[in-house]
N, C-alpha and C. Protein backbone atom coordinates (compact mmCIF):
# COMPACT_ATOMS: atom_id res chain seq x y z
N UNK A 1 126.67 149.58 -0.45
CA UNK A 1 126.55 149.33 -1.87
C UNK A 1 127.22 149.89 -2.77
N UNK A 2 127.89 149.13 -3.68
CA UNK A 2 128.71 149.68 -4.93
C UNK A 2 128.76 148.73 -5.74
N UNK A 3 128.69 149.43 -6.94
CA UNK A 3 128.64 148.40 -8.46
C UNK A 3 130.20 148.04 -8.65
N UNK A 4 130.40 146.75 -8.61
CA UNK A 4 131.80 146.34 -8.87
C UNK A 4 131.58 145.62 -10.30
N UNK A 5 132.13 145.81 -11.42
CA UNK A 5 132.05 145.19 -12.57
C UNK A 5 130.71 144.83 -12.89
N UNK A 6 129.73 145.93 -12.73
CA UNK A 6 128.43 145.82 -13.29
C UNK A 6 127.51 144.93 -12.31
N UNK A 7 128.22 144.20 -10.92
CA UNK A 7 127.11 143.43 -10.24
C UNK A 7 127.36 144.56 -8.73
N UNK A 8 126.33 145.08 -8.32
CA UNK A 8 125.55 145.42 -6.99
C UNK A 8 126.36 144.63 -5.85
N UNK A 9 127.29 144.87 -5.31
CA UNK A 9 127.88 144.18 -4.29
C UNK A 9 127.92 144.97 -2.62
N UNK A 10 128.09 144.44 -1.74
CA UNK A 10 128.16 144.91 -0.45
C UNK A 10 129.87 145.33 0.15
N UNK A 11 130.14 146.31 0.33
CA UNK A 11 131.66 146.55 0.25
C UNK A 11 131.72 147.66 1.77
N UNK A 12 133.16 147.39 2.27
CA UNK A 12 133.33 147.84 3.42
C UNK A 12 133.69 149.38 3.30
N UNK A 13 133.33 150.23 4.29
CA UNK A 13 133.92 151.80 3.91
C UNK A 13 135.08 151.81 4.54
N UNK A 14 135.62 152.78 4.25
CA UNK A 14 137.14 153.19 4.22
C UNK A 14 137.65 153.10 5.57
N UNK A 15 136.80 153.68 6.71
CA UNK A 15 137.16 153.21 8.00
C UNK A 15 137.05 152.07 8.31
N UNK A 16 136.37 151.31 7.99
CA UNK A 16 136.33 149.79 8.36
C UNK A 16 137.52 148.87 7.76
N UNK A 17 137.78 149.35 6.62
CA UNK A 17 138.90 148.67 5.92
C UNK A 17 140.32 149.11 6.73
N UNK A 18 140.25 150.59 6.81
CA UNK A 18 141.61 150.92 7.84
C UNK A 18 141.54 150.19 9.06
N UNK A 19 140.41 149.99 9.74
CA UNK A 19 140.30 149.44 10.88
C UNK A 19 140.98 147.94 10.96
N UNK A 20 140.44 147.14 10.07
CA UNK A 20 140.87 146.04 9.76
C UNK A 20 142.43 145.69 9.79
N UNK A 21 142.64 146.70 8.73
CA UNK A 21 144.49 146.58 8.36
C UNK A 21 145.27 146.72 9.41
N UNK A 22 144.72 147.96 10.69
CA UNK A 22 145.45 148.12 11.58
C UNK A 22 145.39 147.01 12.94
N UNK A 23 143.94 146.25 12.69
CA UNK A 23 144.19 145.30 13.70
C UNK A 23 144.99 143.97 13.23
N UNK A 24 145.11 144.00 11.74
CA UNK A 24 145.93 142.70 11.16
C UNK A 24 147.38 143.11 11.57
N UNK A 25 147.74 144.31 11.19
CA UNK A 25 149.11 145.03 11.34
C UNK A 25 149.53 144.65 12.79
N UNK A 26 148.67 144.96 13.76
CA UNK A 26 149.28 145.11 15.30
C UNK A 26 149.02 143.55 15.83
N UNK A 27 148.72 142.41 15.09
CA UNK A 27 148.72 141.14 15.63
C UNK A 27 150.34 140.59 15.61
N UNK A 28 150.70 140.23 16.72
CA UNK A 28 152.23 140.10 16.92
C UNK A 28 152.34 138.72 16.50
N UNK A 29 151.68 137.58 16.28
CA UNK A 29 151.72 136.45 15.70
C UNK A 29 151.84 136.20 14.14
N UNK A 30 151.40 137.52 13.54
CA UNK A 30 151.25 137.22 12.28
C UNK A 30 152.79 137.20 11.64
N UNK A 31 152.97 136.68 10.55
CA UNK A 31 154.45 136.80 9.63
C UNK A 31 154.52 138.15 9.29
N UNK A 32 156.05 138.22 9.38
CA UNK A 32 156.37 139.39 9.17
C UNK A 32 156.27 140.05 7.91
N UNK A 33 156.08 139.24 6.98
CA UNK A 33 155.89 140.00 5.24
C UNK A 33 154.40 140.27 5.34
N UNK A 34 153.54 139.46 6.20
CA UNK A 34 152.12 140.05 6.06
C UNK A 34 151.88 141.18 6.96
N UNK A 35 152.95 141.49 8.07
CA UNK A 35 152.77 142.85 8.72
C UNK A 35 153.29 143.84 7.98
N UNK A 36 154.25 143.61 7.41
CA UNK A 36 154.59 144.71 6.24
C UNK A 36 153.80 145.10 5.27
N UNK A 37 153.22 143.87 4.86
CA UNK A 37 152.04 144.07 3.69
C UNK A 37 150.93 145.26 4.27
N UNK A 38 150.54 144.71 5.12
CA UNK A 38 149.51 145.53 6.03
C UNK A 38 149.86 147.08 6.07
N UNK A 39 151.35 147.16 6.82
CA UNK A 39 151.54 148.56 7.13
C UNK A 39 151.74 149.28 5.53
N UNK A 40 152.09 148.59 4.83
CA UNK A 40 152.10 149.40 3.11
C UNK A 40 150.79 149.69 2.65
N UNK A 41 149.81 148.77 3.20
CA UNK A 41 148.18 148.95 3.05
C UNK A 41 147.61 150.13 3.48
N UNK A 42 148.13 150.32 4.90
CA UNK A 42 147.73 151.43 5.51
C UNK A 42 147.90 152.66 5.15
N UNK A 43 149.66 152.56 4.84
CA UNK A 43 150.12 153.97 4.27
C UNK A 43 149.31 154.34 2.74
N UNK A 44 148.99 153.25 1.87
CA UNK A 44 148.25 153.60 0.76
C UNK A 44 147.19 154.39 0.88
N UNK A 45 146.50 153.87 1.86
CA UNK A 45 145.07 154.34 2.30
C UNK A 45 145.05 155.87 2.91
N UNK A 46 146.24 156.04 3.83
CA UNK A 46 146.55 157.28 4.23
C UNK A 46 146.70 158.29 3.40
N UNK A 47 147.82 157.91 2.14
CA UNK A 47 147.77 158.74 0.89
C UNK A 47 146.59 159.15 0.32
N UNK A 48 145.90 158.32 0.02
CA UNK A 48 144.82 158.71 -0.75
C UNK A 48 143.70 159.06 -0.33
N UNK A 49 143.64 158.70 1.11
CA UNK A 49 142.33 159.64 2.04
C UNK A 49 143.14 160.12 3.27
N UNK A 50 143.72 161.46 3.08
CA UNK A 50 144.43 161.71 4.46
C UNK A 50 143.75 162.05 5.43
N UNK A 51 142.19 162.29 5.55
CA UNK A 51 141.24 162.60 6.83
C UNK A 51 141.43 161.29 7.46
N UNK A 52 141.85 160.14 6.77
CA UNK A 52 141.99 158.87 8.01
C UNK A 52 143.26 158.93 8.91
N UNK A 53 143.87 160.09 8.77
CA UNK A 53 145.14 160.34 9.43
C UNK A 53 145.26 160.00 11.25
N UNK A 54 143.96 160.85 11.32
CA UNK A 54 143.46 160.97 12.80
C UNK A 54 143.16 159.58 13.43
N UNK A 55 142.83 158.48 12.56
CA UNK A 55 142.10 157.27 13.21
C UNK A 55 143.47 156.37 13.02
N UNK A 56 144.67 156.87 13.09
CA UNK A 56 145.75 156.10 13.20
C UNK A 56 146.18 155.75 14.56
N UNK A 57 146.72 154.73 15.37
CA UNK A 57 147.14 154.90 16.89
C UNK A 57 148.59 155.66 16.52
N UNK A 58 149.12 156.16 17.69
CA UNK A 58 150.60 156.81 17.59
C UNK A 58 151.56 156.11 17.25
N UNK A 59 151.77 154.65 17.53
CA UNK A 59 152.52 153.93 17.09
C UNK A 59 152.84 154.01 15.29
N UNK A 60 151.76 154.03 14.69
CA UNK A 60 151.62 153.77 13.25
C UNK A 60 151.98 155.39 12.80
N UNK A 61 151.55 156.43 13.22
CA UNK A 61 151.88 157.79 12.91
C UNK A 61 153.18 157.78 13.10
N UNK A 62 153.74 157.03 14.01
CA UNK A 62 155.68 157.54 14.22
C UNK A 62 156.18 156.75 12.95
N UNK A 63 155.24 155.89 12.29
CA UNK A 63 155.99 154.91 11.03
C UNK A 63 155.52 155.36 9.63
N UNK A 64 154.44 156.14 9.78
CA UNK A 64 154.06 156.73 8.40
C UNK A 64 153.93 158.03 8.36
N UNK A 65 154.45 158.69 7.00
CA UNK A 65 154.58 159.92 7.13
C UNK A 65 153.19 160.54 6.89
N UNK A 66 153.17 161.75 7.79
CA UNK A 66 151.61 162.43 7.63
C UNK A 66 151.33 162.87 6.29
N UNK A 67 150.02 162.78 5.91
CA UNK A 67 150.11 163.36 4.67
C UNK A 67 149.93 164.99 4.52
N UNK A 68 150.40 165.90 3.50
CA UNK A 68 150.19 167.11 3.52
C UNK A 68 148.85 167.46 2.93
């Protein structure tokens, strides 16, 4: 649960959000533009939360710079 604009709402945890983005990115039938957007979203999550790096598949680790 988290308060969003004064309203208490159920929200996904970081790990679940990352997992969903990885699943969407890995779907071969998705439009290229959507896959690129998901890749960018994954990169932003990793930059903001470096501890998530270890949850990335090797294919994504090869495409995203490891946070320092």
